[in-house]
Amino acid sequence: MVLTRAEIQRKSDEKRGMKTKGFKLHVDDIVLIEEASNKLNVSQSQLIIDAIKFYLENKKAS
């Protein structure tokens, strides 16, 4: 059985524990994420993960 590229990608994502998550954001916020990602030389997803972890760590201290 021949798998399509989408099926191969879906199986790979499942195997690695990955899942797509989408958000509607204001265009200015998207630009901010893109610029910060480029400036810090990290992927946009990694930037968001790091920002959430940082936020949670600092909220605990408050």
PDB file of N, CA and C in Angstrom:
ATOM      1  N   MET A   1       0.840  -1.186   0.000  1.00  0.00           N
ATOM      2  CA  MET A   1       0.000   0.000   0.000  1.00  0.00           C
ATOM      3  C   MET A   1       0.885   1.251   0.000  1.00  0.00           C
ATOM      4  N   VAL A   2       0.629   2.137  -0.915  1.00  0.00           N
ATOM      5  CA  VAL A   2       1.393   3.371  -1.039  1.00  0.00           C
ATOM      6  C   VAL A   2       0.704   4.452  -0.208  1.00  0.00           C
ATOM      7  N   LEU A   3       1.489   5.109   0.639  1.00  0.00           N
ATOM      8  CA  LEU A   3       0.959   6.184   1.479  1.00  0.00           C
ATOM      9  C   LEU A   3       1.185   7.535   0.818  1.00  0.00           C
ATOM     10  N   THR A   4       0.228   8.425   1.005  1.00  0.00           N
ATOM     11  CA  THR A   4       0.416   9.784   0.506  1.00  0.00           C
ATOM     12  C   THR A   4       1.388  10.513   1.422  1.00  0.00           C
ATOM     13  N   ARG A   5       1.900  11.630   0.948  1.00  0.00           N
ATOM     14  CA  ARG A   5       2.830  12.434   1.760  1.00  0.00           C
ATOM     15  C   ARG A   5       2.160  12.882   3.058  1.00  0.00           C
ATOM     16  N   ALA A   6       0.880  13.240   2.991  1.00  0.00           N
ATOM     17  CA  ALA A   6       0.140  13.675   4.177  1.00  0.00           C
ATOM     18  C   ALA A   6       0.006  12.536   5.191  1.00  0.00           C
ATOM     19  N   GLU A   7      -0.230  11.331   4.706  1.00  0.00           N
ATOM     20  CA  GLU A   7      -0.343  10.179   5.608  1.00  0.00           C
ATOM     21  C   GLU A   7       0.993   9.856   6.267  1.00  0.00           C
ATOM     22  N   ILE A   8       2.055   9.937   5.494  1.00  0.00           N
ATOM     23  CA  ILE A   8       3.396   9.714   6.048  1.00  0.00           C
ATOM     24  C   ILE A   8       3.697  10.738   7.127  1.00  0.00           C
ATOM     25  N   GLN A   9       3.383  12.008   6.855  1.00  0.00           N
ATOM     26  CA  GLN A   9       3.629  13.077   7.829  1.00  0.00           C
ATOM     27  C   GLN A   9       2.787  12.890   9.083  1.00  0.00           C
ATOM     28  N   ARG A  10       1.514  12.505   8.910  1.00  0.00           N
ATOM     29  CA  ARG A  10       0.617  12.281  10.051  1.00  0.00           C
ATOM     30  C   ARG A  10       1.155  11.164  10.934  1.00  0.00           C
ATOM     31  N   LYS A  11       1.580  10.058  10.333  1.00  0.00           N
ATOM     32  CA  LYS A  11       2.129   8.943  11.111  1.00  0.00           C
ATOM     33  C   LYS A  11       3.405   9.361  11.848  1.00  0.00           C
ATOM     34  N   SER A  12       4.243  10.123  11.177  1.00  0.00           N
ATOM     35  CA  SER A  12       5.479  10.599  11.794  1.00  0.00           C
ATOM     36  C   SER A  12       5.176  11.504  12.990  1.00  0.00           C
ATOM     37  N   ASP A  13       4.228  12.411  12.802  1.00  0.00           N
ATOM     38  CA  ASP A  13       3.843  13.308  13.899  1.00  0.00           C
ATOM     39  C   ASP A  13       3.287  12.524  15.087  1.00  0.00           C
ATOM     40  N   GLU A  14       2.433  11.554  14.818  1.00  0.00           N
ATOM     41  CA  GLU A  14       1.867  10.728  15.886  1.00  0.00           C
ATOM     42  C   GLU A  14       2.972   9.997  16.640  1.00  0.00           C
ATOM     43  N   LYS A  15       3.903   9.427  15.898  1.00  0.00           N
ATOM     44  CA  LYS A  15       5.009   8.666  16.491  1.00  0.00           C
ATOM     45  C   LYS A  15       5.854   9.545  17.412  1.00  0.00           C
ATOM     46  N   ARG A  16       6.043  10.819  17.014  1.00  0.00           N
ATOM     47  CA  ARG A  16       6.870  11.745  17.792  1.00  0.00           C
ATOM     48  C   ARG A  16       6.077  12.509  18.849  1.00  0.00           C
ATOM     49  N   GLY A  17       4.758  12.260  18.935  1.00  0.00           N
ATOM     50  CA  GLY A  17       3.935  12.951  19.923  1.00  0.00           C
ATOM     51  C   GLY A  17       3.648  14.397  19.553  1.00  0.00           C
ATOM     52  N   MET A  18       3.588  14.680  18.273  1.00  0.00           N
ATOM     53  CA  MET A  18       3.349  16.051  17.807  1.00  0.00           C
ATOM     54  C   MET A  18       1.896  16.216  17.383  1.00  0.00           C
ATOM     55  N   LYS A  19       1.376  17.419  17.551  1.00  0.00           N
ATOM     56  CA  LYS A  19       0.010  17.739  17.159  1.00  0.00           C
ATOM     57  C   LYS A  19      -0.029  19.192  16.713  1.00  0.00           C
ATOM     58  N   THR A  20      -0.791  19.471  15.660  1.00  0.00           N
ATOM     59  CA  THR A  20      -0.913  20.832  15.152  1.00  0.00           C
ATOM     60  C   THR A  20      -1.885  21.615  16.024  1.00  0.00           C
ATOM     61  N   LYS A  21      -1.527  22.869  16.326  1.00  0.00           N
ATOM     62  CA  LYS A  21      -2.370  23.758  17.107  1.00  0.00           C
ATOM     63  C   LYS A  21      -2.410  25.085  16.383  1.00  0.00           C
ATOM     64  N   GLY A  22      -3.592  25.573  16.071  1.00  0.00           N
ATOM     65  CA  GLY A  22      -3.715  26.825  15.337  1.00  0.00           C
ATOM     66  C   GLY A  22      -4.395  27.897  16.158  1.00  0.00           C
ATOM     67  N   PHE A  23      -4.000  29.131  15.943  1.00  0.00           N
ATOM     68  CA  PHE A  23      -4.562  30.281  16.642  1.00  0.00           C
ATOM     69  C   PHE A  23      -4.855  31.387  15.645  1.00  0.00           C
ATOM     70  N   LYS A  24      -5.886  32.144  15.918  1.00  0.00           N
ATOM     71  CA  LYS A  24      -6.109  33.376  15.172  1.00  0.00           C
ATOM     72  C   LYS A  24      -5.495  34.496  15.990  1.00  0.00           C
ATOM     73  N   LEU A  25      -4.555  35.197  15.385  1.00  0.00           N
ATOM     74  CA  LEU A  25      -3.864  36.289  16.062  1.00  0.00           C
ATOM     75  C   LEU A  25      -3.942  37.538  15.203  1.00  0.00           C
ATOM     76  N   HIS A  26      -3.859  38.671  15.868  1.00  0.00           N
ATOM     77  CA  HIS A  26      -3.817  39.942  15.157  1.00  0.00           C
ATOM     78  C   HIS A  26      -2.517  39.986  14.349  1.00  0.00           C
ATOM     79  N   VAL A  27      -2.569  40.588  13.180  1.00  0.00           N
ATOM     80  CA  VAL A  27      -1.391  40.611  12.299  1.00  0.00           C
ATOM     81  C   VAL A  27      -0.179  41.250  12.979  1.00  0.00           C
ATOM     82  N   ASP A  28      -0.399  42.249  13.824  1.00  0.00           N
ATOM     83  CA  ASP A  28       0.722  42.873  14.540  1.00  0.00           C
ATOM     84  C   ASP A  28       1.397  41.878  15.483  1.00  0.00           C
ATOM     85  N   ASP A  29       0.604  41.005  16.111  1.00  0.00           N
ATOM     86  CA  ASP A  29       1.169  39.994  17.008  1.00  0.00           C
ATOM     87  C   ASP A  29       1.958  38.950  16.222  1.00  0.00           C
ATOM     88  N   ILE A  30       1.471  38.609  15.043  1.00  0.00           N
ATOM     89  CA  ILE A  30       2.181  37.660  14.188  1.00  0.00           C
ATOM     90  C   ILE A  30       3.528  38.236  13.768  1.00  0.00           C
ATOM     91  N   VAL A  31       3.545  39.507  13.411  1.00  0.00           N
ATOM     92  CA  VAL A  31       4.797  40.169  13.037  1.00  0.00           C
ATOM     93  C   VAL A  31       5.753  40.175  14.224  1.00  0.00           C
ATOM     94  N   LEU A  32       5.238  40.438  15.416  1.00  0.00           N
ATOM     95  CA  LEU A  32       6.063  40.449  16.621  1.00  0.00           C
ATOM     96  C   LEU A  32       6.701  39.080  16.853  1.00  0.00           C
ATOM     97  N   ILE A  33       5.925  38.018  16.703  1.00  0.00           N
ATOM     98  CA  ILE A  33       6.439  36.658  16.873  1.00  0.00           C
ATOM     99  C   ILE A  33       7.500  36.361  15.819  1.00  0.00           C
ATOM    100  N   GLU A  34       7.227  36.715  14.572  1.00  0.00           N
ATOM    101  CA  GLU A  34       8.183  36.467  13.494  1.00  0.00           C
ATOM    102  C   GLU A  34       9.486  37.217  13.721  1.00  0.00           C
ATOM    103  N   GLU A  35       9.387  38.486  14.095  1.00  0.00           N
ATOM    104  CA  GLU A  35      10.595  39.292  14.318  1.00  0.00           C
ATOM    105  C   GLU A  35      11.402  38.774  15.495  1.00  0.00           C
ATOM    106  N   ALA A  36      10.728  38.440  16.588  1.00  0.00           N
ATOM    107  CA  ALA A  36      11.434  37.922  17.765  1.00  0.00           C
ATOM    108  C   ALA A  36      12.097  36.591  17.435  1.00  0.00           C
ATOM    109  N   SER A  37      11.409  35.744  16.686  1.00  0.00           N
ATOM    110  CA  SER A  37      11.955  34.458  16.284  1.00  0.00           C
ATOM    111  C   SER A  37      13.233  34.639  15.463  1.00  0.00           C
ATOM    112  N   ASN A  38      13.191  35.548  14.508  1.00  0.00           N
ATOM    113  CA  ASN A  38      14.373  35.812  13.677  1.00  0.00           C
ATOM    114  C   ASN A  38      15.501  36.431  14.485  1.00  0.00           C
ATOM    115  N   LYS A  39      15.169  37.388  15.344  1.00  0.00           N
ATOM    116  CA  LYS A  39      16.185  38.076  16.148  1.00  0.00           C
ATOM    117  C   LYS A  39      16.887  37.104  17.106  1.00  0.00           C
ATOM    118  N   LEU A  40      16.115  36.195  17.701  1.00  0.00           N
ATOM    119  CA  LEU A  40      16.663  35.252  18.668  1.00  0.00           C
ATOM    120  C   LEU A  40      17.172  33.959  18.023  1.00  0.00           C
ATOM    121  N   ASN A  41      16.943  33.830  16.715  1.00  0.00           N
ATOM    122  CA  ASN A  41      17.379  32.649  15.965  1.00  0.00           C
ATOM    123  C   ASN A  41      16.817  31.352  16.541  1.00  0.00           C
ATOM    124  N   VAL A  42      15.510  31.365  16.844  1.00  0.00           N
ATOM    125  CA  VAL A  42      14.797  30.162  17.279  1.00  0.00           C
ATOM    126  C   VAL A  42      13.526  30.044  16.441  1.00  0.00           C
ATOM    127  N   SER A  43      12.980  28.847  16.381  1.00  0.00           N
ATOM    128  CA  SER A  43      11.736  28.672  15.635  1.00  0.00           C
ATOM    129  C   SER A  43      10.601  29.395  16.367  1.00  0.00           C
ATOM    130  N   GLN A  44       9.565  29.729  15.624  1.00  0.00           N
ATOM    131  CA  GLN A  44       8.426  30.408  16.217  1.00  0.00           C
ATOM    132  C   GLN A  44       7.766  29.531  17.285  1.00  0.00           C
ATOM    133  N   SER A  45       7.660  28.233  17.020  1.00  0.00           N
ATOM    134  CA  SER A  45       7.050  27.345  18.022  1.00  0.00           C
ATOM    135  C   SER A  45       7.899  27.290  19.289  1.00  0.00           C
ATOM    136  N   GLN A  46       9.227  27.236  19.130  1.00  0.00           N
ATOM    137  CA  GLN A  46      10.097  27.207  20.305  1.00  0.00           C
ATOM    138  C   GLN A  46      10.007  28.510  21.082  1.00  0.00           C
ATOM    139  N   LEU A  47       9.913  29.631  20.376  1.00  0.00           N
ATOM    140  CA  LEU A  47       9.759  30.927  21.028  1.00  0.00           C
ATOM    141  C   LEU A  47       8.495  30.966  21.882  1.00  0.00           C
ATOM    142  N   ILE A  48       7.405  30.471  21.336  1.00  0.00           N
ATOM    143  CA  ILE A  48       6.133  30.473  22.068  1.00  0.00           C
ATOM    144  C   ILE A  48       6.204  29.552  23.274  1.00  0.00           C
ATOM    145  N   ILE A  49       6.796  28.368  23.111  1.00  0.00           N
ATOM    146  CA  ILE A  49       6.952  27.436  24.235  1.00  0.00           C
ATOM    147  C   ILE A  49       7.797  28.073  25.332  1.00  0.00           C
ATOM    148  N   ASP A  50       8.929  28.661  24.956  1.00  0.00           N
ATOM    149  CA  ASP A  50       9.805  29.317  25.939  1.00  0.00           C
ATOM    150  C   ASP A  50       9.089  30.464  26.642  1.00  0.00           C
ATOM    151  N   ALA A  51       8.314  31.237  25.893  1.00  0.00           N
ATOM    152  CA  ALA A  51       7.589  32.370  26.480  1.00  0.00           C
ATOM    153  C   ALA A  51       6.550  31.891  27.484  1.00  0.00           C
ATOM    154  N   ILE A  52       5.842  30.816  27.169  1.00  0.00           N
ATOM    155  CA  ILE A  52       4.836  30.282  28.094  1.00  0.00           C
ATOM    156  C   ILE A  52       5.505  29.759  29.354  1.00  0.00           C
ATOM    157  N   LYS A  53       6.607  29.015  29.198  1.00  0.00           N
ATOM    158  CA  LYS A  53       7.330  28.499  30.365  1.00  0.00           C
ATOM    159  C   LYS A  53       7.845  29.645  31.232  1.00  0.00           C
ATOM    160  N   PHE A  54       8.399  30.671  30.599  1.00  0.00           N
ATOM    161  CA  PHE A  54       8.893  31.838  31.330  1.00  0.00           C
ATOM    162  C   PHE A  54       7.753  32.519  32.086  1.00  0.00           C
ATOM    163  N   TYR A  55       6.633  32.681  31.427  1.00  0.00           N
ATOM    164  CA  TYR A  55       5.458  33.309  32.041  1.00  0.00           C
ATOM    165  C   TYR A  55       4.999  32.514  33.262  1.00  0.00           C
ATOM    166  N   LEU A  56       4.894  31.198  33.126  1.00  0.00           N
ATOM    167  CA  LEU A  56       4.440  30.369  34.235  1.00  0.00           C
ATOM    168  C   LEU A  56       5.419  30.401  35.405  1.00  0.00           C
ATOM    169  N   GLU A  57       6.707  30.359  35.113  1.00  0.00           N
ATOM    170  CA  GLU A  57       7.716  30.403  36.179  1.00  0.00           C
ATOM    171  C   GLU A  57       7.642  31.722  36.935  1.00  0.00           C
ATOM    172  N   ASN A  58       7.427  32.817  36.238  1.00  0.00           N
ATOM    173  CA  ASN A  58       7.374  34.119  36.883  1.00  0.00           C
ATOM    174  C   ASN A  58       6.040  34.388  37.563  1.00  0.00           C
ATOM    175  N   LYS A  59       4.996  33.750  37.127  1.00  0.00           N
ATOM    176  CA  LYS A  59       3.702  33.876  37.800  1.00  0.00           C
ATOM    177  C   LYS A  59       3.727  33.169  39.153  1.00  0.00           C
ATOM    178  N   LYS A  60       4.481  32.055  39.249  1.00  0.00           N
ATOM    179  CA  LYS A  60       4.604  31.325  40.497  1.00  0.00           C
ATOM    180  C   LYS A  60       5.294  32.170  41.561  1.00  0.00           C
ATOM    181  N   ALA A  61       6.259  32.965  41.117  1.00  0.00           N
ATOM    182  CA  ALA A  61       7.032  33.792  42.046  1.00  0.00           C
ATOM    183  C   ALA A  61       6.214  34.952  42.597  1.00  0.00           C
ATOM    184  N   SER A  62       5.157  35.343  41.906  1.00  0.00           N
ATOM    185  CA  SER A  62       4.356  36.488  42.341  1.00  0.00           C
ATOM    186  C   SER A  62       3.483  36.184  43.525  1.00  0.00           C
TER     187      SER A  62
END
